[in-house]
Protein backbone atom coordinates (compact mmCIF):
# COMPACT_ATOMS: atom_id res chain seq x y z
CA MET A 1 8.29 -0.72 -53.75
CA THR A 2 7.49 3.02 -53.86
CA LYS A 3 9.79 3.57 -50.88
CA PHE A 4 12.67 1.96 -52.80
CA PRO A 5 11.83 2.67 -56.46
CA HIS A 6 15.31 1.71 -57.73
CA ILE A 7 15.88 -1.40 -55.61
CA ARG A 8 16.23 -3.71 -58.64
CA GLN A 9 18.90 -1.55 -60.30
CA ASP A 10 20.75 -1.05 -57.01
CA PHE A 11 20.61 -4.75 -56.14
CA ALA A 12 22.09 -5.76 -59.50
CA ALA A 13 24.76 -3.06 -59.27
CA SER A 14 25.70 -4.14 -55.74
CA LEU A 15 26.48 -7.66 -56.94
CA VAL A 16 28.74 -6.31 -59.69
CA VAL A 17 30.58 -4.02 -57.26
CA PHE A 18 30.96 -6.89 -54.78
CA LEU A 19 32.54 -9.10 -57.45
CA VAL A 20 34.91 -6.29 -58.46
CA ALA A 21 35.77 -5.35 -54.87
CA LEU A 22 36.42 -8.87 -53.52
CA PRO A 23 39.74 -9.60 -55.28
CA LEU A 24 40.88 -5.99 -54.93
CA CYS A 25 40.24 -5.93 -51.16
CA VAL A 26 42.23 -9.12 -50.70
CA GLY A 27 44.99 -8.05 -53.08
CA VAL A 28 45.51 -4.65 -51.46
CA ALA A 29 45.69 -6.27 -48.01
CA VAL A 30 48.28 -8.85 -49.06
CA ALA A 31 50.37 -6.18 -50.84
CA SER A 32 50.17 -3.98 -47.75
CA GLY A 33 51.70 -6.70 -45.60
CA VAL A 34 48.60 -7.33 -43.47
CA PRO A 35 46.19 -10.30 -43.17
CA ALA A 36 43.90 -10.64 -46.17
CA GLU A 37 40.80 -10.44 -43.97
CA LEU A 38 41.65 -6.84 -43.00
CA GLY A 39 41.12 -5.80 -46.60
CA LEU A 40 37.64 -7.29 -46.43
CA VAL A 41 36.98 -5.48 -43.13
CA THR A 42 37.83 -2.14 -44.74
CA GLY A 43 35.62 -2.98 -47.71
CA ILE A 44 32.75 -3.89 -45.38
CA VAL A 45 33.10 -0.66 -43.39
CA GLY A 46 33.41 1.33 -46.62
CA GLY A 47 30.18 -0.16 -47.87
CA ILE A 48 28.03 -0.18 -44.74
CA VAL A 49 29.32 2.76 -42.67
CA THR A 50 30.56 5.22 -45.30
CA GLY A 51 27.93 4.01 -47.75
CA LEU A 52 25.09 5.02 -45.42
CA MET A 53 26.39 8.58 -45.02
CA ARG A 54 25.81 11.60 -47.21
CA GLY A 55 28.35 12.99 -49.63
CA SER A 56 28.73 11.29 -52.98
CA SER A 57 25.75 9.02 -53.55
CA LEU A 58 27.28 6.58 -56.07
CA GLN A 59 30.93 6.57 -54.96
CA VAL A 60 32.21 3.31 -53.43
CA SER A 61 34.89 3.24 -50.73
CA GLY A 62 37.31 0.58 -49.59
CA PRO A 63 41.03 -0.27 -49.42
CA ALA A 64 42.81 1.41 -52.31
CA ALA A 65 45.89 0.59 -54.34
CA GLY A 66 46.91 4.24 -54.00
CA LEU A 67 47.72 3.79 -50.29
CA THR A 68 49.31 0.36 -50.55
CA VAL A 69 52.90 1.59 -50.67
CA LEU A 70 52.46 3.96 -47.73
CA VAL A 71 50.64 1.37 -45.61
CA TYR A 72 53.31 -1.25 -46.31
CA GLU A 73 56.08 1.16 -45.28
CA ALA A 74 54.17 2.11 -42.12
CA VAL A 75 53.57 -1.53 -41.12
CA GLN A 76 57.23 -2.37 -41.71
CA GLU A 77 58.46 0.61 -39.70
CA PHE A 78 55.97 0.81 -36.83
CA GLY A 79 54.40 -2.66 -36.75
CA LEU A 80 50.88 -3.94 -37.43
CA PRO A 81 49.52 -3.02 -33.94
CA VAL A 82 50.18 0.68 -34.68
CA LEU A 83 48.25 0.60 -37.98
CA GLY A 84 44.93 0.96 -36.16
CA VAL A 85 46.19 4.09 -34.39
CA LEU A 86 47.33 5.60 -37.69
CA VAL A 87 44.00 4.93 -39.39
CA LEU A 88 41.94 6.03 -36.36
CA ALA A 89 43.82 9.34 -36.15
CA THR A 90 43.40 9.79 -39.90
CA GLY A 91 39.65 9.33 -39.58
CA LEU A 92 39.37 11.81 -36.72
CA LEU A 93 41.36 14.40 -38.70
CA GLN A 94 39.08 13.90 -41.70
CA LEU A 95 36.00 14.34 -39.49
CA LEU A 96 37.49 17.56 -38.11
CA MET A 97 38.34 18.88 -41.57
CA GLY A 98 34.85 18.05 -42.80
CA ALA A 99 33.28 19.81 -39.81
CA LEU A 100 35.46 22.86 -40.55
CA ARG A 101 34.25 22.76 -44.16
CA LEU A 102 37.72 22.19 -45.57
CA GLY A 103 36.63 19.53 -48.06
CA ARG A 104 36.21 21.97 -50.92
CA TRP A 105 39.77 23.24 -50.46
CA PHE A 106 41.18 19.92 -51.59
CA ARG A 107 40.01 20.89 -55.05
CA ALA A 108 42.61 23.66 -54.92
CA ILE A 109 45.47 21.12 -54.89
CA SER A 110 47.26 21.06 -58.23
CA VAL A 111 45.87 18.26 -60.39
CA SER A 112 49.41 17.68 -61.69
CA VAL A 113 50.63 16.98 -58.15
CA VAL A 114 47.79 14.53 -57.49
CA GLU A 115 48.30 12.75 -60.81
CA GLY A 116 52.05 12.72 -60.21
CA MET A 117 51.42 11.24 -56.78
CA LEU A 118 49.26 8.49 -58.25
CA ALA A 119 51.81 7.86 -61.02
CA GLY A 120 54.60 7.55 -58.46
CA ILE A 121 52.49 5.18 -56.39
CA GLY A 122 51.76 3.19 -59.53
CA LEU A 123 55.46 2.86 -60.40
CA VAL A 124 56.43 1.71 -56.89
CA LEU A 125 53.40 -0.59 -56.74
CA ILE A 126 54.28 -2.22 -60.05
CA ALA A 127 57.91 -2.66 -59.05
CA GLY A 128 56.99 -4.15 -55.66
CA GLN A 129 54.31 -6.50 -56.96
CA LEU A 130 56.52 -7.83 -59.74
CA TYR A 131 58.67 -9.28 -56.96
CA ALA A 132 55.54 -10.96 -55.56
CA VAL A 133 54.83 -12.32 -59.03
CA ALA A 134 58.36 -13.75 -59.12
CA ASP A 135 58.01 -15.13 -55.57
CA ALA A 136 60.96 -13.00 -54.45
CA GLU A 137 61.52 -10.57 -51.60
CA ALA A 138 61.35 -6.92 -52.65
CA PRO A 139 64.08 -4.45 -51.59
CA ALA A 140 63.13 -1.56 -49.32
CA SER A 141 63.58 1.51 -51.54
CA GLY A 142 61.85 2.29 -54.80
CA LEU A 143 65.10 2.67 -56.77
CA GLU A 144 66.41 -0.66 -55.47
CA LYS A 145 63.15 -2.33 -56.45
CA ILE A 146 63.43 -1.09 -60.02
CA ALA A 147 67.15 -1.88 -60.29
CA GLY A 148 66.68 -5.43 -59.02
CA LEU A 149 63.72 -6.35 -61.22
CA PRO A 150 65.66 -8.02 -64.08
CA GLY A 151 67.41 -10.37 -61.65
CA ALA A 152 64.20 -11.16 -59.79
CA LEU A 153 62.19 -11.98 -62.92
CA ALA A 154 65.00 -14.11 -64.30
CA GLY A 155 65.31 -16.05 -61.06
CA SER A 156 65.14 -19.73 -60.32
CA THR A 157 63.11 -22.24 -62.29
CA GLU A 158 60.85 -22.71 -59.27
CA ALA A 159 59.64 -19.13 -59.79
CA LEU A 160 58.64 -19.73 -63.42
CA ALA A 161 55.22 -21.08 -62.43
CA SER A 162 54.63 -18.04 -60.24
CA VAL A 163 55.73 -15.63 -62.99
CA GLY A 164 53.60 -17.42 -65.56
CA LEU A 165 50.52 -17.28 -63.35
CA GLY A 166 51.01 -13.58 -62.64
CA ALA A 167 51.62 -12.78 -66.31
CA GLY A 168 48.54 -14.76 -67.25
CA THR A 169 46.46 -12.78 -64.75
CA VAL A 170 47.62 -9.49 -66.27
CA ALA A 171 46.92 -10.82 -69.78
CA VAL A 172 43.34 -11.76 -68.82
CA LEU A 173 42.75 -8.29 -67.38
CA VAL A 174 44.11 -6.57 -70.51
CA LEU A 175 42.18 -8.76 -72.97
CA TRP A 176 38.92 -8.97 -70.98
CA ARG A 177 37.50 -5.77 -72.46
CA ARG A 178 37.81 -7.18 -75.98
CA LEU A 179 35.68 -10.24 -75.26
CA PRO A 180 31.96 -10.41 -76.17
CA ARG A 181 29.56 -8.51 -73.93
CA PRO A 182 27.94 -11.61 -72.35
CA VAL A 183 31.38 -12.80 -71.20
CA ARG A 184 32.24 -9.36 -69.84
CA ALA A 185 29.24 -9.58 -67.53
CA VAL A 186 31.72 -11.22 -65.15
CA PRO A 187 34.09 -8.51 -63.80
CA GLY A 188 37.64 -8.79 -65.15
CA PRO A 189 39.43 -8.94 -61.77
CA LEU A 190 37.17 -11.75 -60.54
CA ALA A 191 37.58 -13.69 -63.78
CA ALA A 192 41.38 -13.27 -63.70
CA VAL A 193 41.67 -14.48 -60.10
CA GLY A 194 39.18 -17.30 -60.69
CA LEU A 195 41.04 -18.59 -63.75
CA ALA A 196 44.41 -18.33 -61.97
CA THR A 197 43.04 -20.22 -58.94
CA LEU A 198 41.62 -22.91 -61.23
CA ALA A 199 44.90 -23.24 -63.14
CA ALA A 200 46.92 -23.49 -59.92
CA ALA A 201 44.62 -26.23 -58.62
CA VAL A 202 44.34 -28.26 -61.85
CA PHE A 203 48.08 -28.24 -62.62
CA ALA A 204 49.16 -28.37 -58.96
CA LEU A 205 51.42 -25.36 -59.47
CA PRO A 206 53.98 -24.72 -56.71
CA VAL A 207 52.85 -21.16 -55.95
CA ALA A 208 52.18 -19.35 -52.68
CA THR A 209 48.56 -18.84 -51.67
CA VAL A 210 46.80 -16.45 -49.30
CA GLU A 211 47.20 -17.21 -45.60
CA VAL A 212 43.87 -17.30 -43.79
CA LYS A 213 43.57 -16.36 -40.11
CA GLY A 214 39.83 -15.92 -39.87
CA LEU A 215 37.91 -12.68 -39.65
CA LEU A 216 37.78 -12.42 -35.85
CA GLY A 217 41.39 -13.51 -35.51
CA SER A 218 42.56 -10.74 -37.84
CA VAL A 219 40.64 -7.90 -36.20
CA GLN A 220 42.87 -6.41 -33.52
CA PRO A 221 41.75 -3.08 -32.01
CA PRO A 222 44.74 -0.87 -31.09
CA SER A 223 45.99 -1.21 -27.53
CA LEU A 224 46.88 1.59 -25.12
CA THR A 225 50.55 0.83 -25.76
CA ALA A 226 50.03 1.47 -29.48
CA PHE A 227 48.53 4.89 -28.73
CA GLY A 228 51.80 5.75 -26.98
CA GLU A 229 53.45 5.74 -30.42
CA LEU A 230 51.70 9.05 -31.15
CA ALA A 231 54.66 10.71 -29.43
CA ASP A 232 56.84 9.56 -32.37
CA VAL A 233 57.37 12.29 -34.99
CA GLY A 234 57.50 9.64 -37.72
CA VAL A 235 54.05 8.35 -36.69
CA LEU A 236 52.61 11.88 -36.79
CA ALA A 237 54.11 12.49 -40.24
CA THR A 238 52.58 9.23 -41.47
CA ILE A 239 49.16 10.27 -40.13
CA VAL A 240 49.42 13.57 -42.02
CA ALA A 241 50.40 11.70 -45.18
CA PHE A 242 47.50 9.23 -44.75
CA THR A 243 45.06 12.10 -44.22
CA LEU A 244 46.16 14.27 -47.14
CA ILE A 245 46.51 11.45 -49.65
CA ALA A 246 43.32 9.60 -48.66
CA SER A 247 41.28 12.82 -48.62
CA ALA A 248 42.66 14.13 -51.91
CA GLU A 249 42.18 10.78 -53.67
CA SER A 250 38.62 10.45 -52.37
CA LEU A 251 37.55 13.96 -53.34
CA PHE A 252 39.20 13.82 -56.75
CA SER A 253 37.49 10.48 -57.29
CA ALA A 254 34.18 12.10 -56.33
CA ALA A 255 34.70 14.78 -58.98
CA ALA A 256 35.42 12.06 -61.56
CA VAL A 257 32.35 10.03 -60.54
CA ASP A 258 30.16 13.15 -60.85
CA ARG A 259 31.11 13.29 -64.54
CA LEU A 260 29.84 9.73 -65.03
CA HIS A 261 26.22 10.27 -63.99
CA ASP A 262 23.44 12.88 -63.93
CA GLY A 263 22.37 12.30 -60.32
CA PRO A 264 22.98 14.47 -57.26
CA ARG A 265 26.39 16.19 -57.14
CA THR A 266 28.95 15.47 -54.43
CA GLN A 267 28.81 17.48 -51.22
CA TYR A 268 32.53 17.62 -50.57
CA ASP A 269 32.51 18.48 -46.87
CA LYS A 270 29.99 15.74 -46.12
CA GLU A 271 31.93 13.26 -48.24
CA LEU A 272 35.08 14.09 -46.26
CA MET A 273 33.17 13.42 -43.03
CA ALA A 274 31.87 10.13 -44.44
CA GLN A 275 35.42 9.07 -45.26
CA GLY A 276 36.49 10.17 -41.77
CA ALA A 277 33.75 8.12 -40.11
CA GLY A 278 34.77 5.06 -42.12
CA ASN A 279 38.45 5.44 -41.32
CA THR A 280 37.66 5.96 -37.63
CA VAL A 281 35.79 2.64 -37.52
CA CYS A 282 38.53 0.92 -39.57
CA GLY A 283 41.13 2.25 -37.14
CA ALA A 284 39.14 1.00 -34.14
CA LEU A 285 39.13 -2.45 -35.76
CA GLY A 286 42.83 -2.34 -36.67
CA ALA A 287 42.02 -2.52 -40.41
CA LEU A 288 43.41 -0.82 -43.51
CA PRO A 289 42.67 2.84 -44.31
CA MET A 290 40.00 3.50 -46.88
CA THR A 291 39.52 5.92 -49.73
CA ALA A 292 36.94 6.25 -52.43
CA VAL A 293 37.99 3.95 -55.27
CA ILE A 294 37.35 5.00 -58.85
CA VAL A 295 37.40 1.41 -60.21
CA ARG A 296 34.57 0.26 -57.94
CA SER A 297 32.74 3.57 -58.26
CA SER A 298 32.74 3.53 -62.07
CA ALA A 299 31.62 -0.11 -62.01
CA ASN A 300 28.77 0.92 -59.73
CA VAL A 301 27.64 3.67 -62.10
CA GLN A 302 28.04 1.55 -65.23
CA ALA A 303 26.06 -1.28 -63.61
CA GLY A 304 23.05 1.05 -63.32
CA ALA A 305 23.11 2.04 -59.64
CA ARG A 306 20.71 4.86 -58.77
CA THR A 307 21.14 5.38 -55.02
CA LYS A 308 23.59 4.69 -52.20
CA ALA A 309 21.74 1.44 -51.48
CA SER A 310 23.97 -0.35 -54.00
CA ARG A 311 27.19 0.43 -52.14
CA VAL A 312 25.62 -0.49 -48.78
CA MET A 313 24.49 -3.85 -50.16
CA HIS A 314 27.96 -4.52 -51.62
CA GLY A 315 29.30 -4.13 -48.06
CA VAL A 316 26.73 -6.66 -46.84
CA TRP A 317 27.82 -9.18 -49.51
CA LEU A 318 31.47 -8.73 -48.44
CA LEU A 319 30.45 -9.33 -44.81
CA LEU A 320 28.56 -12.50 -45.71
CA PHE A 321 31.49 -13.78 -47.74
CA ALA A 322 33.98 -13.06 -44.93
CA ALA A 323 31.70 -14.74 -42.38
CA LEU A 324 30.60 -17.79 -44.39
CA LEU A 325 33.37 -18.53 -46.91
CA PRO A 326 36.68 -17.38 -45.39
CA ALA A 327 38.46 -20.63 -46.26
CA THR A 328 37.98 -19.80 -49.96
CA LEU A 329 40.69 -17.15 -49.61
CA ALA A 330 43.29 -19.86 -48.97
CA LEU A 331 42.83 -21.12 -52.54
CA ILE A 332 43.82 -17.79 -54.16
CA PRO A 333 47.39 -17.70 -55.52
CA ILE A 334 49.39 -14.66 -54.42
CA PRO A 335 50.88 -14.16 -57.94
CA ALA A 336 47.32 -13.65 -59.23
CA LEU A 337 46.63 -10.94 -56.67
CA ALA A 338 50.00 -9.37 -57.48
CA GLY A 339 49.07 -9.40 -61.17
CA ILE A 340 45.85 -7.55 -60.40
CA LEU A 341 47.79 -4.86 -58.53
CA VAL A 342 50.39 -4.59 -61.31
CA HIS A 343 47.51 -3.87 -63.66
CA ALA A 344 46.00 -1.41 -61.16
CA GLY A 345 49.37 0.33 -60.76
CA TRP A 346 49.69 0.66 -64.53
CA LYS A 347 46.30 2.36 -64.70
CA LEU A 348 47.41 4.87 -62.05
CA ILE A 349 50.00 6.26 -64.50
CA PRO A 350 48.25 8.91 -66.68
CA PHE A 351 50.17 8.37 -69.94
CA ARG A 352 47.65 10.25 -72.08
CA GLY A 353 47.44 13.03 -69.51
CA ILE A 354 51.22 13.51 -69.59
CA VAL A 355 51.21 13.78 -73.39
CA SER A 356 48.35 16.30 -73.47
CA LEU A 357 49.91 18.34 -70.66
CA TRP A 358 53.25 18.42 -72.47
CA ARG A 359 51.56 19.82 -75.56
CA GLY A 360 49.67 22.58 -73.77
CA HIS A 361 51.22 23.10 -70.32
CA ARG A 362 54.80 21.86 -70.14
CA GLY A 363 55.30 23.28 -66.66
CA GLU A 364 52.43 21.16 -65.32
CA ALA A 365 53.75 18.08 -67.12
CA LEU A 366 57.16 18.67 -65.52
CA ILE A 367 55.56 18.91 -62.05
CA LEU A 368 53.71 15.63 -62.66
CA VAL A 369 56.85 13.78 -63.77
CA VAL A 370 59.09 15.22 -61.02
CA THR A 371 56.50 14.34 -58.34
CA ALA A 372 56.27 10.76 -59.60
CA LEU A 373 60.05 10.29 -59.83
CA SER A 374 60.57 11.88 -56.41
CA ILE A 375 58.19 9.36 -54.84
CA VAL A 376 60.15 6.54 -56.48
CA ALA A 377 63.54 7.98 -55.50
CA VAL A 378 62.73 9.17 -51.95
CA ASN A 379 59.38 8.25 -50.45
CA MET A 380 55.70 9.08 -50.70
CA PHE A 381 55.47 11.97 -48.25
CA GLU A 382 58.58 13.83 -49.35
CA GLY A 383 57.78 13.25 -53.01
CA VAL A 384 54.38 14.90 -52.62
CA LEU A 385 55.97 17.81 -50.74
CA ILE A 386 58.46 18.29 -53.60
CA GLY A 387 55.57 18.34 -56.07
CA LEU A 388 53.62 20.87 -53.99
CA ALA A 389 56.71 23.08 -53.67
CA LEU A 390 57.23 23.00 -57.44
CA SER A 391 53.57 23.84 -58.00
CA VAL A 392 53.73 26.82 -55.64
CA ALA A 393 56.98 28.03 -57.25
CA LYS A 394 55.46 27.75 -60.73
CA THR A 395 52.36 29.68 -59.65
CA ALA A 396 54.48 32.38 -58.03
CA TRP A 397 56.61 32.69 -61.17
CA GLU A 398 53.58 33.02 -63.44
CA ALA A 399 51.86 35.46 -61.08
CA SER A 400 54.93 37.71 -61.00
CA HIS A 401 54.73 38.66 -64.67
CA VAL A 402 56.19 42.12 -65.16
CA LYS A 403 56.79 44.27 -68.24
CA LEU A 404 59.38 47.03 -68.63
CA GLU A 405 58.83 49.49 -71.49
CA VAL A 406 61.57 51.99 -72.28
CA ILE A 407 60.86 55.11 -74.38
CA ASP A 408 63.87 57.12 -75.56
CA LYS A 409 63.01 60.07 -77.81
CA GLY A 410 66.65 61.02 -78.18
CA ALA A 411 66.28 64.22 -76.25
CA GLY A 412 65.15 64.75 -72.68
CA PRO A 413 64.85 62.06 -70.02
CA ILE A 414 64.48 58.37 -70.79
CA GLN A 415 61.05 57.13 -69.73
CA ALA A 416 60.81 53.65 -68.19
CA TYR A 417 57.36 52.16 -67.45
CA LEU A 418 56.96 49.10 -65.22
CA SER A 419 53.63 47.24 -65.23
CA GLY A 420 52.34 43.96 -63.79
CA ASN A 421 53.58 42.29 -60.58
CA ALA A 422 57.16 43.07 -59.58
CA THR A 423 58.48 40.36 -57.24
CA PHE A 424 61.94 39.10 -56.35
CA LEU A 425 61.51 36.30 -58.92
CA ARG A 426 61.61 38.86 -61.76
CA LEU A 427 64.17 41.14 -60.12
CA PRO A 428 67.24 40.02 -62.15
CA LYS A 429 65.43 40.75 -65.42
CA ILE A 430 64.27 44.19 -64.23
CA LEU A 431 67.72 45.21 -62.98
CA ASP A 432 69.47 43.96 -66.12
CA SER A 433 67.19 46.16 -68.25
CA LEU A 434 67.56 49.24 -66.02
CA GLU A 435 71.32 48.92 -65.65
CA ALA A 436 71.64 48.78 -69.44
CA LEU A 437 70.26 52.35 -69.70
CA PRO A 438 72.82 55.11 -70.46
CA GLN A 439 74.45 56.40 -67.26
CA ASP A 440 74.74 59.99 -68.53
CA ARG A 441 71.01 60.49 -69.24
CA PRO A 442 68.24 61.36 -66.76
CA VAL A 443 65.62 58.65 -66.23
CA GLU A 444 61.95 58.89 -65.27
CA LEU A 445 60.85 55.57 -63.70
CA ASP A 446 57.06 55.18 -63.71
CA LEU A 447 55.76 52.54 -61.28
CA SER A 448 52.08 53.51 -61.52
CA GLY A 449 51.32 50.45 -63.71
CA LEU A 450 52.40 47.95 -61.05
CA HIS A 451 49.67 45.94 -59.30
CA HIS A 452 52.15 44.62 -56.75
CA LEU A 453 55.65 45.65 -55.70
CA ASP A 454 57.28 43.48 -53.05
CA HIS A 455 59.87 44.68 -50.53
CA ALA A 456 62.83 43.13 -52.34
CA CYS A 457 61.95 44.86 -55.61
CA ARG A 458 61.26 48.19 -53.94
CA THR A 459 64.61 48.12 -52.14
CA ALA A 460 66.50 47.09 -55.29
CA LEU A 461 64.85 49.84 -57.38
CA GLU A 462 65.69 52.44 -54.75
CA ASN A 463 69.32 51.29 -54.70
CA TRP A 464 69.50 51.40 -58.49
CA ALA A 465 68.02 54.90 -58.54
CA GLU A 466 70.65 56.08 -56.05
CA ARG A 467 73.49 54.55 -58.08
CA HIS A 468 72.19 55.97 -61.35
CA SER A 469 71.69 59.40 -59.83
CA ALA A 470 75.23 59.40 -58.41
CA ALA A 471 76.70 58.44 -61.79
CA GLY A 472 74.59 60.85 -63.87
CA THR A 473 73.90 64.56 -63.93
CA GLU A 474 70.31 64.47 -62.63
CA PRO A 475 68.53 62.30 -60.05
CA VAL A 476 66.13 59.56 -61.17
CA ARG A 477 62.51 60.65 -60.97
CA VAL A 478 60.23 57.92 -59.65
CA THR A 479 56.48 58.04 -60.17
CA ALA A 480 54.34 55.69 -58.12
CA HIS A 481 50.61 55.33 -57.33
């Protein structure tokens, strides 16, 4: 026992994480448009392969709701056989970035962009899964999904049972935290799916259930033909999107998990390599991409886990379930899984964060909201690029703060002092102030207080000085460093 001093705590925590992960793995797979077993494969690899590696000791990896929308779009556009290539390439890129020690740089990404990304994913996920709840086919674009929701939810009477089951699942998840502690020993997602499955069986509800193909039948390593798709620009763009989003979500999750416990801190480069190794194996098996998942990770910490043994054992339990009880999946109603993902999508939207940002940093709140809405209106990749562009523009604007102080003593030259960072972003304000000075008075322009003067500003100031000198009686005197 001295070699594994925390085996009891880790064993108990692994069972809790397994019970939380099981319905989420299946739900994410079904929502992604792939066989349910592939979600379990990713959970198994996340537990056993990534779990054994160094990085973040208590963080748990597996298929994540945050990538569901992107995976679904990729499967619809390129086909299921290409998914393995996408995930394999993502894993290799993550391994390379970890080896180059780029993991820490993901912490430099604007938190508002990341939260906006997750909020946008949450909105699209909710809209898409509400169609699954209503047993209806979802439109392709995010805006069409939202616009068509009222008609879908008020559909035929045959869909009422499906809607009721999905709504009941969401209600159980929302109310589960308010139940007595002994009851809450059962994880909410498992209880919600279990009760929905029981209700569907007892009342013989006409609802769709999970299709089971078997673990070995679902695993399809990518073929040589699938690798030929790497010549497609769209495939390469999807790989970049997978890599950036999966890496950012994993490393931000690691930072959040570090705040939940007092154990060893995350080694970001090693964690990125661990995620890369897991995604490489998932890609070789044709499974879903993985990220670190905050829901499972927080459950692991709260259940008393002390070492990475808990997440490895949770992967073993998933493997045993997939190998011994695969037929059980066929009993699970799809509306119940959709309800779980609707609830997960809701939790991706940082309502409190938006309110607090609006009070203290309205620019950051605007970036968050615009990023989320752009993902809904356009797509995931372009929405994140819009958010990053806004973040860079905001930083450039704030960094280019400049102050113009004019001293006019009534006699002699007018003294104008520029200080700060003069960039093209502040050029209109600078020129408006300078051009408002009297044309018939000499001016002394002091630039010695500037920390930075870009080419556009320098050229514009020189042109203004020439114009003012031509209109006045004396040339403008410019003092620089």
